Structure formats: C-alpha cells, structure tokens
Amino acid sequence: MFISFEGIEGSGKTTQIKLLIPVLQAKGYECIATREPGATKIGHKIRAILLDAAHATMLPLTELLLYEADRAQHVHEVIKPALAANKVVVSDRFFDATTVYQGYARGFDLELIQQIHRIVLGGLRPDLTLILDLPVHAGLERAWQRINSQSGGLPEDRFEKEAIAFHEKVRQGYLTLARGEPERFRVIDASGDRQAVHRDIVEIVLSLHGQGLP
C-alpha cells in the first residue's frame, strides 16, 4: 500500500507520519517512511538547492525540473522496490505537491505537468492521499516556529518566504484536487490537537483494511 501526505507549510505532515508508522507496525505491516524532496543521496543534494532561501532567483522551470528529477530517483530507488517487497510506503509529499505548487501556485500548464508525471511515474499513484488542511496563517505560524527552533545547518525556508497569496493558491489547489478525485483523497482538519488529527488519520487508514481503530 502506498500512502502520501500532502498539505501547506506547517500542516503537520512529518509529525503525523511519525505517529502513524508505529500504529501500522503494531498491526503487523512492514513500513517505510520517505519524503520529497530528499529521500535519496541525489535527492538530498537537490533538496538543499530547492529549499534554500538563498536561491530566491531560481527560475520556476528550474524548480519544476529539479522536483521531477528528485522524484524520478525516489521512485526508482525507494518506492517501487519497497512496494515490490509488500511494504507499506508512507511519503511526506509526492507528485500532487508539484501539481499544486508548480501548477496551481506558480502557473505552469497542468497538462505539461501531467505529461512529465507520466514519464517519471509510469502510472504509479498513491492508494490513499491524506491532505492535512488548515488556514494558511496558522500553517505558516507553525512552520516559522519550527524553523526558528532549529539549530545548525541551512534553514529550509524558501517556500515559507513566499507571499500569502502563493500559499492560498497552494491550499486551494489541494482542495481542488481532492474534489476531483474523491476516491483517493481524504481531507483532514489539521487545525486542532495533534492527537485528534492522529486519531482521524488512523481511522481512515485502518478502515481501508476493515480493521477500524486499534
């Protein structure tokens, strides 16, 4: 099974993945948690370029192609081998992020992005995509708290420094995708307590296997 987590900056994807993995393991599933960008050695270097605010002059086309390059390596090295080994793959972002960030927010032609995805993914899609949704101002507040609390290394804050209007487009892009593909997407209110959000996620994920809550 392949599960992806999506959402605006500060929506809690990483936290919720860390909470979900032990639940799945307790149910007997072998799991791997992964992310985009940066899940491979090559991807790690690409991530450093993409998320560094010092690269504010990066062309949108450069950004798009770097994300797709990272994804191609990610699919080949991590996701497909794990799925072939019957592992549950849980990814912090996947191809929907590019559709939303570079398509809906940056303005790239959505058909062009879909064409690139057909090349990169070869038909691979998550079985379930969880969108953690909350107001933009709340997400950015959380994101900056996380960034400001970090010590050492370059801050990954290039997207947090985008205008509010950009982040609003990202949020609305995700909600548009969810309306267009309700069989794959689930939208979760991420504005509340992390444990409440976790319970909602567990219920959705385990219901796919007819197991209900643990």
C-alpha atoms as a PDB file:
ATOM      1  CA  MET A   1       0.000   0.000   0.000  1.00  0.00           C
ATOM      2  CA  PHE A   2       1.214   3.488  -0.865  1.00  0.00           C
ATOM      3  CA  ILE A   3       0.059   6.455   1.250  1.00  0.00           C
ATOM      4  CA  SER A   4       1.049  10.060   0.621  1.00  0.00           C
ATOM      5  CA  PHE A   5       0.630  13.043   2.933  1.00  0.00           C
ATOM      6  CA  GLU A   6       0.074  16.496   1.454  1.00  0.00           C
ATOM      7  CA  GLY A   7      -0.677  19.972   2.755  1.00  0.00           C
ATOM      8  CA  ILE A   8       0.555  23.525   3.056  1.00  0.00           C
ATOM      9  CA  GLU A   9       3.654  24.503   5.012  1.00  0.00           C
ATOM     10  CA  GLY A  10       3.233  23.760   8.709  1.00  0.00           C
ATOM     11  CA  SER A  11       0.285  21.417   8.296  1.00  0.00           C
ATOM     12  CA  GLY A  12       1.958  18.688  10.366  1.00  0.00           C
ATOM     13  CA  LYS A  13       2.709  16.044   7.757  1.00  0.00           C
ATOM     14  CA  THR A  14       6.024  14.931   9.218  1.00  0.00           C
ATOM     15  CA  THR A  15       4.636  14.747  12.750  1.00  0.00           C
ATOM     16  CA  GLN A  16       1.610  12.737  11.690  1.00  0.00           C
ATOM     17  CA  ILE A  17       3.694  10.274   9.675  1.00  0.00           C
ATOM     18  CA  LYS A  18       5.852   9.650  12.736  1.00  0.00           C
ATOM     19  CA  LEU A  19       2.693   8.935  14.756  1.00  0.00           C
ATOM     20  CA  LEU A  20       1.142   6.690  12.097  1.00  0.00           C
ATOM     21  CA  ILE A  21       4.081   4.372  11.402  1.00  0.00           C
ATOM     22  CA  PRO A  22       4.095   2.671  14.850  1.00  0.00           C
ATOM     23  CA  VAL A  23       0.351   2.032  14.576  1.00  0.00           C
ATOM     24  CA  LEU A  24       0.792   0.254  11.253  1.00  0.00           C
ATOM     25  CA  GLN A  25       3.766  -1.700  12.561  1.00  0.00           C
ATOM     26  CA  ALA A  26       1.720  -2.823  15.569  1.00  0.00           C
ATOM     27  CA  LYS A  27      -0.833  -4.186  13.100  1.00  0.00           C
ATOM     28  CA  GLY A  28       1.872  -6.286  11.503  1.00  0.00           C
ATOM     29  CA  TYR A  29       2.721  -4.132   8.489  1.00  0.00           C
ATOM     30  CA  GLU A  30       6.309  -3.556   7.431  1.00  0.00           C
ATOM     31  CA  CYS A  31       6.539   0.158   6.692  1.00  0.00           C
ATOM     32  CA  ILE A  32       8.929   2.730   5.355  1.00  0.00           C
ATOM     33  CA  ALA A  33       8.592   6.483   5.791  1.00  0.00           C
ATOM     34  CA  THR A  34      10.014   8.594   2.986  1.00  0.00           C
ATOM     35  CA  ARG A  35       9.777  12.152   1.698  1.00  0.00           C
ATOM     36  CA  GLU A  36      10.096  14.512  -1.209  1.00  0.00           C
ATOM     37  CA  PRO A  37      12.434  16.054  -1.935  1.00  0.00           C
ATOM     38  CA  GLY A  38      15.464  14.342  -0.441  1.00  0.00           C
ATOM     39  CA  ALA A  39      14.842  10.613   0.017  1.00  0.00           C
ATOM     40  CA  THR A  40      17.945   9.507  -1.909  1.00  0.00           C
ATOM     41  CA  LYS A  41      21.587  10.620  -1.968  1.00  0.00           C
ATOM     42  CA  ILE A  42      20.972  12.531  -5.166  1.00  0.00           C
ATOM     43  CA  GLY A  43      17.671  13.827  -3.838  1.00  0.00           C
ATOM     44  CA  HIS A  44      19.369  15.097  -0.683  1.00  0.00           C
ATOM     45  CA  LYS A  45      21.531  17.390  -2.799  1.00  0.00           C
ATOM     46  CA  ILE A  46      18.527  18.509  -4.849  1.00  0.00           C
ATOM     47  CA  ARG A  47      16.606  19.283  -1.633  1.00  0.00           C
ATOM     48  CA  ALA A  48      19.422  21.550  -0.435  1.00  0.00           C
ATOM     49  CA  ILE A  49      19.102  23.564  -3.648  1.00  0.00           C
ATOM     50  CA  LEU A  50      15.302  23.708  -3.712  1.00  0.00           C
ATOM     51  CA  LEU A  51      14.633  24.754  -0.122  1.00  0.00           C
ATOM     52  CA  ASP A  52      17.447  27.235   0.436  1.00  0.00           C
ATOM     53  CA  ALA A  53      16.099  30.807   0.515  1.00  0.00           C
ATOM     54  CA  ALA A  54      19.426  31.989  -0.906  1.00  0.00           C
ATOM     55  CA  HIS A  55      18.160  30.605  -4.223  1.00  0.00           C
ATOM     56  CA  ALA A  56      15.299  33.068  -4.451  1.00  0.00           C
ATOM     57  CA  THR A  57      16.202  33.829  -8.087  1.00  0.00           C
ATOM     58  CA  MET A  58      15.633  30.224  -9.161  1.00  0.00           C
ATOM     59  CA  LEU A  59      13.550  30.071 -12.320  1.00  0.00           C
ATOM     60  CA  PRO A  60      10.162  28.364 -11.925  1.00  0.00           C
ATOM     61  CA  LEU A  61      11.154  25.995 -14.752  1.00  0.00           C
ATOM     62  CA  THR A  62      14.352  25.072 -12.905  1.00  0.00           C
ATOM     63  CA  GLU A  63      12.306  24.418  -9.773  1.00  0.00           C
ATOM     64  CA  LEU A  64       9.847  22.203 -11.635  1.00  0.00           C
ATOM     65  CA  LEU A  65      12.535  20.099 -13.302  1.00  0.00           C
ATOM     66  CA  LEU A  66      14.529  19.696 -10.081  1.00  0.00           C
ATOM     67  CA  TYR A  67      11.463  18.361  -8.283  1.00  0.00           C
ATOM     68  CA  GLU A  68      10.808  15.910 -11.090  1.00  0.00           C
ATOM     69  CA  ALA A  69      14.450  14.806 -11.123  1.00  0.00           C
ATOM     70  CA  ASP A  70      14.260  14.141  -7.391  1.00  0.00           C
ATOM     71  CA  ARG A  71      11.010  12.202  -7.900  1.00  0.00           C
ATOM     72  CA  ALA A  72      12.417  10.030 -10.675  1.00  0.00           C
ATOM     73  CA  GLN A  73      15.261   8.928  -8.401  1.00  0.00           C
ATOM     74  CA  HIS A  74      12.870   8.495  -5.457  1.00  0.00           C
ATOM     75  CA  VAL A  75      10.510   6.233  -7.393  1.00  0.00           C
ATOM     76  CA  HIS A  76      13.340   4.124  -8.797  1.00  0.00           C
ATOM     77  CA  GLU A  77      15.427   3.741  -5.641  1.00  0.00           C
ATOM     78  CA  VAL A  78      12.871   3.764  -2.837  1.00  0.00           C
ATOM     79  CA  ILE A  79       9.189   3.498  -3.657  1.00  0.00           C
ATOM     80  CA  LYS A  80       9.000   0.786  -6.319  1.00  0.00           C
ATOM     81  CA  PRO A  81      11.409  -1.587  -4.522  1.00  0.00           C
ATOM     82  CA  ALA A  82       9.503  -1.167  -1.248  1.00  0.00           C
ATOM     83  CA  LEU A  83       6.132  -1.808  -2.863  1.00  0.00           C
ATOM     84  CA  ALA A  84       7.555  -4.838  -4.666  1.00  0.00           C
ATOM     85  CA  ALA A  85       8.589  -6.170  -1.246  1.00  0.00           C
ATOM     86  CA  ASN A  86       4.979  -5.726   0.010  1.00  0.00           C
ATOM     87  CA  LYS A  87       5.892  -2.888   2.352  1.00  0.00           C
ATOM     88  CA  VAL A  88       3.589  -0.013   3.224  1.00  0.00           C
ATOM     89  CA  VAL A  89       5.145   3.188   1.856  1.00  0.00           C
ATOM     90  CA  VAL A  90       4.236   6.457   3.591  1.00  0.00           C
ATOM     91  CA  SER A  91       5.576   9.530   1.799  1.00  0.00           C
ATOM     92  CA  ASP A  92       5.773  13.103   3.034  1.00  0.00           C
ATOM     93  CA  ARG A  93       4.671  14.698  -0.272  1.00  0.00           C
ATOM     94  CA  PHE A  94       4.561  13.131  -3.719  1.00  0.00           C
ATOM     95  CA  PHE A  95       3.525  14.185  -7.218  1.00  0.00           C
ATOM     96  CA  ASP A  96       0.409  16.094  -6.112  1.00  0.00           C
ATOM     97  CA  ALA A  97       2.704  18.639  -4.488  1.00  0.00           C
ATOM     98  CA  THR A  98       4.164  19.519  -7.887  1.00  0.00           C
ATOM     99  CA  THR A  99       0.712  19.796  -9.437  1.00  0.00           C
ATOM    100  CA  VAL A 100      -0.259  22.240  -6.699  1.00  0.00           C
ATOM    101  CA  TYR A 101       2.921  24.226  -6.052  1.00  0.00           C
ATOM    102  CA  GLN A 102       4.246  24.484  -9.587  1.00  0.00           C
ATOM    103  CA  GLY A 103       0.875  24.213 -11.351  1.00  0.00           C
ATOM    104  CA  TYR A 104      -1.810  25.980  -9.344  1.00  0.00           C
ATOM    105  CA  ALA A 105       0.531  28.356  -7.484  1.00  0.00           C
ATOM    106  CA  ARG A 106       3.332  29.016  -9.990  1.00  0.00           C
ATOM    107  CA  GLY A 107       1.034  28.875 -13.008  1.00  0.00           C
ATOM    108  CA  PHE A 108       2.632  26.117 -15.078  1.00  0.00           C
ATOM    109  CA  ASP A 109       0.318  24.405 -17.537  1.00  0.00           C
ATOM    110  CA  LEU A 110      -1.289  21.472 -15.747  1.00  0.00           C
ATOM    111  CA  GLU A 111      -1.233  19.290 -18.849  1.00  0.00           C
ATOM    112  CA  LEU A 112       2.518  19.845 -19.173  1.00  0.00           C
ATOM    113  CA  ILE A 113       2.970  18.727 -15.564  1.00  0.00           C
ATOM    114  CA  GLN A 114       0.792  15.671 -16.167  1.00  0.00           C
ATOM    115  CA  GLN A 115       2.901  14.758 -19.208  1.00  0.00           C
ATOM    116  CA  ILE A 116       6.071  14.903 -17.130  1.00  0.00           C
ATOM    117  CA  HIS A 117       4.395  12.812 -14.438  1.00  0.00           C
ATOM    118  CA  ARG A 118       3.505  10.146 -16.976  1.00  0.00           C
ATOM    119  CA  ILE A 119       7.199   9.889 -17.865  1.00  0.00           C
ATOM    120  CA  VAL A 120       8.503   9.978 -14.293  1.00  0.00           C
ATOM    121  CA  LEU A 121       5.867   7.828 -12.605  1.00  0.00           C
ATOM    122  CA  GLY A 122       4.973   5.276 -15.243  1.00  0.00           C
ATOM    123  CA  GLY A 123       1.436   5.076 -13.869  1.00  0.00           C
ATOM    124  CA  LEU A 124       2.426   4.897 -10.177  1.00  0.00           C
ATOM    125  CA  ARG A 125      -0.067   6.631  -7.885  1.00  0.00           C
ATOM    126  CA  PRO A 126      -0.710   6.511  -4.137  1.00  0.00           C
ATOM    127  CA  ASP A 127      -3.591   4.307  -2.985  1.00  0.00           C
ATOM    128  CA  LEU A 128      -4.509   6.988  -0.462  1.00  0.00           C
ATOM    129  CA  THR A 129      -3.578  10.663  -0.226  1.00  0.00           C
ATOM    130  CA  LEU A 130      -4.239  12.499   3.030  1.00  0.00           C
ATOM    131  CA  ILE A 131      -4.455  16.276   2.770  1.00  0.00           C
ATOM    132  CA  LEU A 132      -3.835  17.975   6.109  1.00  0.00           C
ATOM    133  CA  ASP A 133      -5.791  21.186   5.724  1.00  0.00           C
ATOM    134  CA  LEU A 134      -5.704  24.331   7.846  1.00  0.00           C
ATOM    135  CA  PRO A 135      -5.745  28.106   7.308  1.00  0.00           C
ATOM    136  CA  VAL A 136      -2.617  29.491   5.716  1.00  0.00           C
ATOM    137  CA  HIS A 137      -1.776  31.882   8.552  1.00  0.00           C
ATOM    138  CA  ALA A 138      -1.916  29.047  11.079  1.00  0.00           C
ATOM    139  CA  GLY A 139       0.291  26.788   8.971  1.00  0.00           C
ATOM    140  CA  LEU A 140       2.909  29.471   8.388  1.00  0.00           C
ATOM    141  CA  GLU A 141       2.977  30.330  12.086  1.00  0.00           C
ATOM    142  CA  ARG A 142       3.728  26.687  12.888  1.00  0.00           C
ATOM    143  CA  ALA A 143       6.306  26.471  10.112  1.00  0.00           C
ATOM    144  CA  TRP A 144       8.224  29.513  11.323  1.00  0.00           C
ATOM    145  CA  GLN A 145       8.178  28.242  14.896  1.00  0.00           C
ATOM    146  CA  ARG A 146       9.791  25.040  13.665  1.00  0.00           C
ATOM    147  CA  ILE A 147      12.365  26.853  11.538  1.00  0.00           C
ATOM    148  CA  ASN A 148      13.306  29.303  14.310  1.00  0.00           C
ATOM    149  CA  SER A 149      13.752  26.489  16.810  1.00  0.00           C
ATOM    150  CA  GLN A 150      16.245  24.635  14.627  1.00  0.00           C
ATOM    151  CA  SER A 151      19.949  24.931  15.308  1.00  0.00           C
ATOM    152  CA  GLY A 152      22.709  24.251  12.818  1.00  0.00           C
ATOM    153  CA  GLY A 153      22.517  23.755   9.082  1.00  0.00           C
ATOM    154  CA  LEU A 154      20.920  25.952   6.470  1.00  0.00           C
ATOM    155  CA  PRO A 155      17.277  26.832   7.148  1.00  0.00           C
ATOM    156  CA  GLU A 156      14.823  25.293   4.676  1.00  0.00           C
ATOM    157  CA  ASP A 157      12.637  28.355   4.336  1.00  0.00           C
ATOM    158  CA  ARG A 158      12.450  29.334   0.662  1.00  0.00           C
ATOM    159  CA  PHE A 159       8.757  28.473   0.390  1.00  0.00           C
ATOM    160  CA  GLU A 160       7.829  29.938   3.767  1.00  0.00           C
ATOM    161  CA  LYS A 161       9.081  33.275   2.444  1.00  0.00           C
ATOM    162  CA  GLU A 162       6.610  33.252  -0.441  1.00  0.00           C
ATOM    163  CA  ALA A 163       3.703  35.717  -0.355  1.00  0.00           C
ATOM    164  CA  ILE A 164       0.494  34.776   1.459  1.00  0.00           C
ATOM    165  CA  ALA A 165      -1.296  34.737  -1.897  1.00  0.00           C
ATOM    166  CA  PHE A 166       1.037  31.951  -3.062  1.00  0.00           C
ATOM    167  CA  HIS A 167       0.193  29.800  -0.055  1.00  0.00           C
ATOM    168  CA  GLU A 168      -3.522  30.436  -0.535  1.00  0.00           C
ATOM    169  CA  LYS A 169      -3.214  29.148  -4.098  1.00  0.00           C
ATOM    170  CA  VAL A 170      -1.442  26.049  -2.782  1.00  0.00           C
ATOM    171  CA  ARG A 171      -4.208  25.364  -0.272  1.00  0.00           C
ATOM    172  CA  GLN A 172      -6.981  25.866  -2.793  1.00  0.00           C
ATOM    173  CA  GLY A 173      -5.092  23.729  -5.302  1.00  0.00           C
ATOM    174  CA  TYR A 174      -5.064  20.815  -2.893  1.00  0.00           C
ATOM    175  CA  LEU A 175      -8.773  21.180  -2.190  1.00  0.00           C
ATOM    176  CA  THR A 176      -9.461  21.285  -5.924  1.00  0.00           C
ATOM    177  CA  LEU A 177      -7.549  18.036  -6.435  1.00  0.00           C
ATOM    178  CA  ALA A 178      -9.478  16.409  -3.595  1.00  0.00           C
ATOM    179  CA  ARG A 179     -12.827  17.353  -5.130  1.00  0.00           C
ATOM    180  CA  GLY A 180     -11.757  15.955  -8.494  1.00  0.00           C
ATOM    181  CA  GLU A 181     -10.540  12.600  -7.180  1.00  0.00           C
ATOM    182  CA  PRO A 182     -12.549  11.779  -4.030  1.00  0.00           C
ATOM    183  CA  GLU A 183     -11.795   8.063  -4.220  1.00  0.00           C
ATOM    184  CA  ARG A 184      -8.095   8.704  -3.492  1.00  0.00           C
ATOM    185  CA  PHE A 185      -8.066  11.855  -1.403  1.00  0.00           C
ATOM    186  CA  ARG A 186      -9.193  12.439   2.174  1.00  0.00           C
ATOM    187  CA  VAL A 187      -9.152  15.960   3.585  1.00  0.00           C
ATOM    188  CA  ILE A 188      -8.427  16.165   7.311  1.00  0.00           C
ATOM    189  CA  ASP A 189      -8.848  19.224   9.505  1.00  0.00           C
ATOM    190  CA  ALA A 190      -5.300  19.747  10.778  1.00  0.00           C
ATOM    191  CA  SER A 191      -6.006  22.877  12.805  1.00  0.00           C
ATOM    192  CA  GLY A 192      -6.691  21.034  16.048  1.00  0.00           C
ATOM    193  CA  ASP A 193      -4.751  18.981  18.571  1.00  0.00           C
ATOM    194  CA  ARG A 194      -2.171  16.654  17.013  1.00  0.00           C
ATOM    195  CA  GLN A 195      -3.592  13.613  18.805  1.00  0.00           C
ATOM    196  CA  ALA A 196      -7.068  14.337  17.490  1.00  0.00           C
ATOM    197  CA  VAL A 197      -5.654  14.648  13.984  1.00  0.00           C
ATOM    198  CA  HIS A 198      -3.761  11.397  14.519  1.00  0.00           C
ATOM    199  CA  ARG A 199      -6.947   9.567  15.517  1.00  0.00           C
ATOM    200  CA  ASP A 200      -8.687  10.793  12.369  1.00  0.00           C
ATOM    201  CA  ILE A 201      -5.807   9.566  10.236  1.00  0.00           C
ATOM    202  CA  VAL A 202      -5.648   6.157  11.908  1.00  0.00           C
ATOM    203  CA  GLU A 203      -9.365   5.643  11.448  1.00  0.00           C
ATOM    204  CA  ILE A 204      -9.153   6.442   7.746  1.00  0.00           C
ATOM    205  CA  VAL A 205      -6.068   4.322   7.084  1.00  0.00           C
ATOM    206  CA  LEU A 206      -7.180   1.255   9.007  1.00  0.00           C
ATOM    207  CA  SER A 207     -10.705   1.415   7.632  1.00  0.00           C
ATOM    208  CA  LEU A 208      -9.223   0.603   4.231  1.00  0.00           C
ATOM    209  CA  HIS A 209      -8.355  -2.797   5.669  1.00  0.00           C
ATOM    210  CA  GLY A 210     -11.619  -3.211   7.512  1.00  0.00           C
ATOM    211  CA  GLN A 211      -9.925  -3.108  10.871  1.00  0.00           C
ATOM    212  CA  GLY A 212     -11.295   0.034  12.460  1.00  0.00           C
ATOM    213  CA  LEU A 213      -9.468   1.783  15.275  1.00  0.00           C
ATOM    214  CA  PRO A 214      -6.881  -0.160  17.291  1.00  0.00           C
END
